[in-house]
């Protein structure tokens, strides 16, 4: 089973790159408003994404209002 997913939307906000700790770990958040045939204009859905390390610079070439398709992976461990 693949853990790769996609979301399409309009960039709502782009945060600044923030550095954490003494190791130089960086993180940047951006939020998109989802668009598509199953989305309601009356009740829009906003989704936040985080970029880490060298991926933070990806958002330098984008701005608020641009339509994007975001491909992302979910990672985690679940034990039941």
N, C-alpha and C. Protein backbone atom coordinates (compact mmCIF):
# COMPACT_ATOMS: atom_id res chain seq x y z
N UNK A 1 0.84 -1.19 0.00
CA UNK A 1 0.00 0.00 0.00
C UNK A 1 0.88 1.24 0.00
N UNK A 2 0.60 2.17 -0.90
CA UNK A 2 1.37 3.40 -1.01
C UNK A 2 0.88 4.40 0.04
N UNK A 3 1.80 5.19 0.56
CA UNK A 3 1.41 6.22 1.52
C UNK A 3 1.52 7.61 0.92
N UNK A 4 1.57 7.71 -0.41
CA UNK A 4 1.66 8.98 -1.10
C UNK A 4 0.26 9.50 -1.40
N UNK A 5 0.01 10.76 -1.07
CA UNK A 5 -1.30 11.38 -1.27
C UNK A 5 -1.13 12.72 -1.98
N UNK A 6 -2.24 13.27 -2.48
CA UNK A 6 -2.23 14.57 -3.15
C UNK A 6 -3.39 15.42 -2.67
N UNK A 7 -3.16 16.73 -2.66
CA UNK A 7 -4.21 17.69 -2.35
C UNK A 7 -4.03 18.87 -3.30
N UNK A 8 -5.14 19.40 -3.80
CA UNK A 8 -5.08 20.56 -4.69
C UNK A 8 -5.78 21.71 -4.01
N UNK A 9 -5.16 22.88 -4.10
CA UNK A 9 -5.76 24.03 -3.45
C UNK A 9 -5.06 25.33 -3.81
N UNK A 10 -5.54 26.39 -3.18
CA UNK A 10 -4.99 27.73 -3.37
C UNK A 10 -4.20 28.08 -2.12
N UNK A 11 -2.97 28.56 -2.31
CA UNK A 11 -2.14 28.92 -1.16
C UNK A 11 -2.81 30.04 -0.38
N UNK A 12 -3.04 29.80 0.89
CA UNK A 12 -3.69 30.77 1.79
C UNK A 12 -2.65 31.56 2.58
N UNK A 13 -1.66 30.87 3.13
CA UNK A 13 -0.58 31.53 3.86
C UNK A 13 0.72 30.77 3.64
N UNK A 14 1.82 31.51 3.74
CA UNK A 14 3.16 30.92 3.70
C UNK A 14 3.92 31.50 4.89
N UNK A 15 4.35 30.63 5.78
CA UNK A 15 5.09 31.07 6.95
C UNK A 15 6.57 31.25 6.64
N UNK A 16 7.25 31.87 7.57
CA UNK A 16 8.70 32.05 7.47
C UNK A 16 9.41 30.76 7.85
N UNK A 17 10.59 30.57 7.35
CA UNK A 17 11.42 29.44 7.76
C UNK A 17 11.93 29.71 9.16
N UNK A 18 11.73 28.75 10.05
CA UNK A 18 12.12 28.88 11.45
C UNK A 18 13.17 27.84 11.78
N UNK A 19 14.20 28.26 12.51
CA UNK A 19 15.27 27.34 12.92
C UNK A 19 15.06 26.94 14.37
N UNK A 20 15.25 25.65 14.65
CA UNK A 20 15.05 25.11 16.00
C UNK A 20 16.34 24.45 16.48
N UNK A 21 16.64 24.67 17.74
CA UNK A 21 17.77 23.99 18.37
C UNK A 21 19.12 24.44 17.83
N UNK A 22 20.15 23.77 18.29
CA UNK A 22 21.52 24.12 17.93
C UNK A 22 22.02 23.35 16.71
N UNK A 23 21.24 22.40 16.23
CA UNK A 23 21.64 21.58 15.09
C UNK A 23 21.28 22.19 13.74
N UNK A 24 20.57 23.32 13.74
CA UNK A 24 20.19 23.96 12.49
C UNK A 24 18.96 23.35 11.83
N UNK A 25 18.13 22.65 12.58
CA UNK A 25 16.89 22.07 12.04
C UNK A 25 15.95 23.20 11.65
N UNK A 26 15.44 23.18 10.42
CA UNK A 26 14.53 24.23 9.96
C UNK A 26 13.18 23.65 9.56
N UNK A 27 12.16 24.50 9.69
CA UNK A 27 10.80 24.10 9.38
C UNK A 27 10.07 25.30 8.79
N UNK A 28 9.16 25.04 7.82
CA UNK A 28 8.35 26.10 7.23
C UNK A 28 6.95 25.56 6.99
N UNK A 29 5.96 26.32 7.39
CA UNK A 29 4.57 25.90 7.23
C UNK A 29 3.89 26.73 6.15
N UNK A 30 3.00 26.07 5.42
CA UNK A 30 2.11 26.78 4.50
C UNK A 30 0.74 26.14 4.58
N UNK A 31 -0.28 26.93 4.24
CA UNK A 31 -1.67 26.48 4.33
C UNK A 31 -2.32 26.67 2.97
N UNK A 32 -3.07 25.64 2.54
CA UNK A 32 -3.85 25.77 1.31
C UNK A 32 -5.34 25.61 1.62
N UNK A 33 -6.16 26.30 0.81
CA UNK A 33 -7.61 26.11 0.85
C UNK A 33 -7.92 25.10 -0.24
N UNK A 34 -8.46 23.96 0.14
CA UNK A 34 -8.72 22.89 -0.81
C UNK A 34 -9.73 23.32 -1.86
N UNK A 35 -9.50 22.85 -3.11
CA UNK A 35 -10.44 23.09 -4.20
C UNK A 35 -10.72 21.75 -4.88
N UNK A 36 -11.83 21.69 -5.57
CA UNK A 36 -12.20 20.48 -6.28
C UNK A 36 -13.69 20.30 -6.24
N UNK A 37 -14.16 19.30 -6.95
CA UNK A 37 -15.61 19.11 -7.08
C UNK A 37 -16.29 18.74 -5.78
N UNK A 38 -15.57 18.18 -4.83
CA UNK A 38 -16.18 17.77 -3.56
C UNK A 38 -16.02 18.82 -2.46
N UNK A 39 -15.47 19.98 -2.80
CA UNK A 39 -15.27 21.03 -1.82
C UNK A 39 -16.42 22.04 -1.86
N UNK A 40 -16.78 22.53 -0.69
CA UNK A 40 -17.88 23.48 -0.55
C UNK A 40 -17.33 24.90 -0.41
N UNK A 41 -17.85 25.82 -1.22
CA UNK A 41 -17.43 27.22 -1.07
C UNK A 41 -18.00 27.83 0.21
N UNK A 42 -19.10 27.27 0.68
CA UNK A 42 -19.72 27.77 1.92
C UNK A 42 -18.91 27.36 3.14
N UNK A 43 -18.32 26.17 3.11
CA UNK A 43 -17.53 25.65 4.23
C UNK A 43 -16.18 25.18 3.71
N UNK A 44 -15.27 26.13 3.43
CA UNK A 44 -13.97 25.75 2.85
C UNK A 44 -13.12 24.97 3.85
N UNK A 45 -12.28 24.10 3.31
CA UNK A 45 -11.35 23.31 4.12
C UNK A 45 -9.94 23.84 3.92
N UNK A 46 -9.27 24.12 5.02
CA UNK A 46 -7.89 24.59 5.00
C UNK A 46 -7.01 23.49 5.58
N UNK A 47 -5.87 23.24 4.91
CA UNK A 47 -4.96 22.19 5.35
C UNK A 47 -3.56 22.79 5.48
N UNK A 48 -2.92 22.54 6.62
CA UNK A 48 -1.56 23.01 6.86
C UNK A 48 -0.56 21.92 6.51
N UNK A 49 0.54 22.33 5.89
CA UNK A 49 1.64 21.43 5.55
C UNK A 49 2.92 21.99 6.13
N UNK A 50 3.86 21.12 6.47
CA UNK A 50 5.16 21.53 6.96
C UNK A 50 6.25 20.99 6.05
N UNK A 51 7.17 21.87 5.73
CA UNK A 51 8.37 21.49 5.00
C UNK A 51 9.53 21.52 5.99
N UNK A 52 10.46 20.58 5.87
CA UNK A 52 11.59 20.57 6.78
C UNK A 52 12.91 20.56 6.02
N UNK A 53 13.92 21.02 6.70
CA UNK A 53 15.31 21.04 6.21
C UNK A 53 15.42 21.71 4.85
N UNK A 54 16.05 21.05 3.89
CA UNK A 54 16.31 21.66 2.58
C UNK A 54 15.05 21.89 1.76
N UNK A 55 13.93 21.31 2.14
CA UNK A 55 12.67 21.49 1.40
C UNK A 55 12.02 22.85 1.69
N UNK A 56 12.46 23.56 2.74
CA UNK A 56 11.86 24.85 3.10
C UNK A 56 11.93 25.86 1.96
N UNK A 57 12.97 25.80 1.17
CA UNK A 57 13.15 26.78 0.09
C UNK A 57 12.17 26.57 -1.07
N UNK A 58 11.48 25.45 -1.12
CA UNK A 58 10.50 25.21 -2.20
C UNK A 58 9.49 26.35 -2.27
N UNK A 59 9.06 26.85 -1.12
CA UNK A 59 8.01 27.88 -1.10
C UNK A 59 8.51 29.26 -1.52
N UNK A 60 9.83 29.43 -1.71
CA UNK A 60 10.36 30.73 -2.12
C UNK A 60 9.83 31.15 -3.50
N UNK A 61 9.47 30.20 -4.34
CA UNK A 61 9.02 30.53 -5.69
C UNK A 61 7.49 30.60 -5.80
N UNK A 62 6.79 30.54 -4.68
CA UNK A 62 5.32 30.60 -4.67
C UNK A 62 4.85 31.80 -3.86
N UNK A 63 3.59 32.18 -4.06
CA UNK A 63 3.00 33.27 -3.28
C UNK A 63 1.53 32.97 -3.01
N UNK A 64 0.96 33.70 -2.07
CA UNK A 64 -0.44 33.54 -1.69
C UNK A 64 -1.33 33.75 -2.92
N UNK A 65 -2.33 32.88 -3.08
CA UNK A 65 -3.27 32.99 -4.19
C UNK A 65 -2.99 32.06 -5.35
N UNK A 66 -1.82 31.42 -5.35
CA UNK A 66 -1.45 30.52 -6.44
C UNK A 66 -2.09 29.15 -6.21
N UNK A 67 -2.61 28.55 -7.27
CA UNK A 67 -3.17 27.20 -7.20
C UNK A 67 -2.03 26.19 -7.32
N UNK A 68 -2.01 25.23 -6.39
CA UNK A 68 -0.95 24.22 -6.36
C UNK A 68 -1.54 22.83 -6.16
N UNK A 69 -0.78 21.83 -6.57
CA UNK A 69 -1.08 20.45 -6.25
C UNK A 69 0.07 19.97 -5.36
N UNK A 70 -0.26 19.55 -4.15
CA UNK A 70 0.74 19.14 -3.17
C UNK A 70 0.75 17.62 -3.09
N UNK A 71 1.90 17.02 -3.32
CA UNK A 71 2.08 15.59 -3.12
C UNK A 71 2.80 15.40 -1.79
N UNK A 72 2.29 14.53 -0.96
CA UNK A 72 2.89 14.37 0.36
C UNK A 72 2.78 12.92 0.81
N UNK A 73 3.59 12.58 1.78
CA UNK A 73 3.61 11.24 2.36
C UNK A 73 3.27 11.33 3.84
N UNK A 74 2.58 10.34 4.33
CA UNK A 74 2.30 10.22 5.75
C UNK A 74 3.23 9.16 6.31
N UNK A 75 3.90 9.50 7.38
CA UNK A 75 4.78 8.54 8.02
C UNK A 75 4.40 8.43 9.48
N UNK A 76 4.46 7.28 9.99
CA UNK A 76 4.15 7.06 11.39
C UNK A 76 4.05 5.57 11.66
N UNK A 77 3.92 5.26 12.89
CA UNK A 77 3.82 3.87 13.27
C UNK A 77 2.60 3.71 14.17
N UNK A 78 1.79 2.77 13.85
CA UNK A 78 0.59 2.50 14.62
C UNK A 78 0.62 1.04 15.05
N UNK A 79 0.51 0.83 16.33
CA UNK A 79 0.45 -0.55 16.84
C UNK A 79 -0.86 -0.72 17.58
N UNK A 80 -1.61 -1.71 17.19
CA UNK A 80 -2.89 -1.98 17.83
C UNK A 80 -2.85 -3.39 18.39
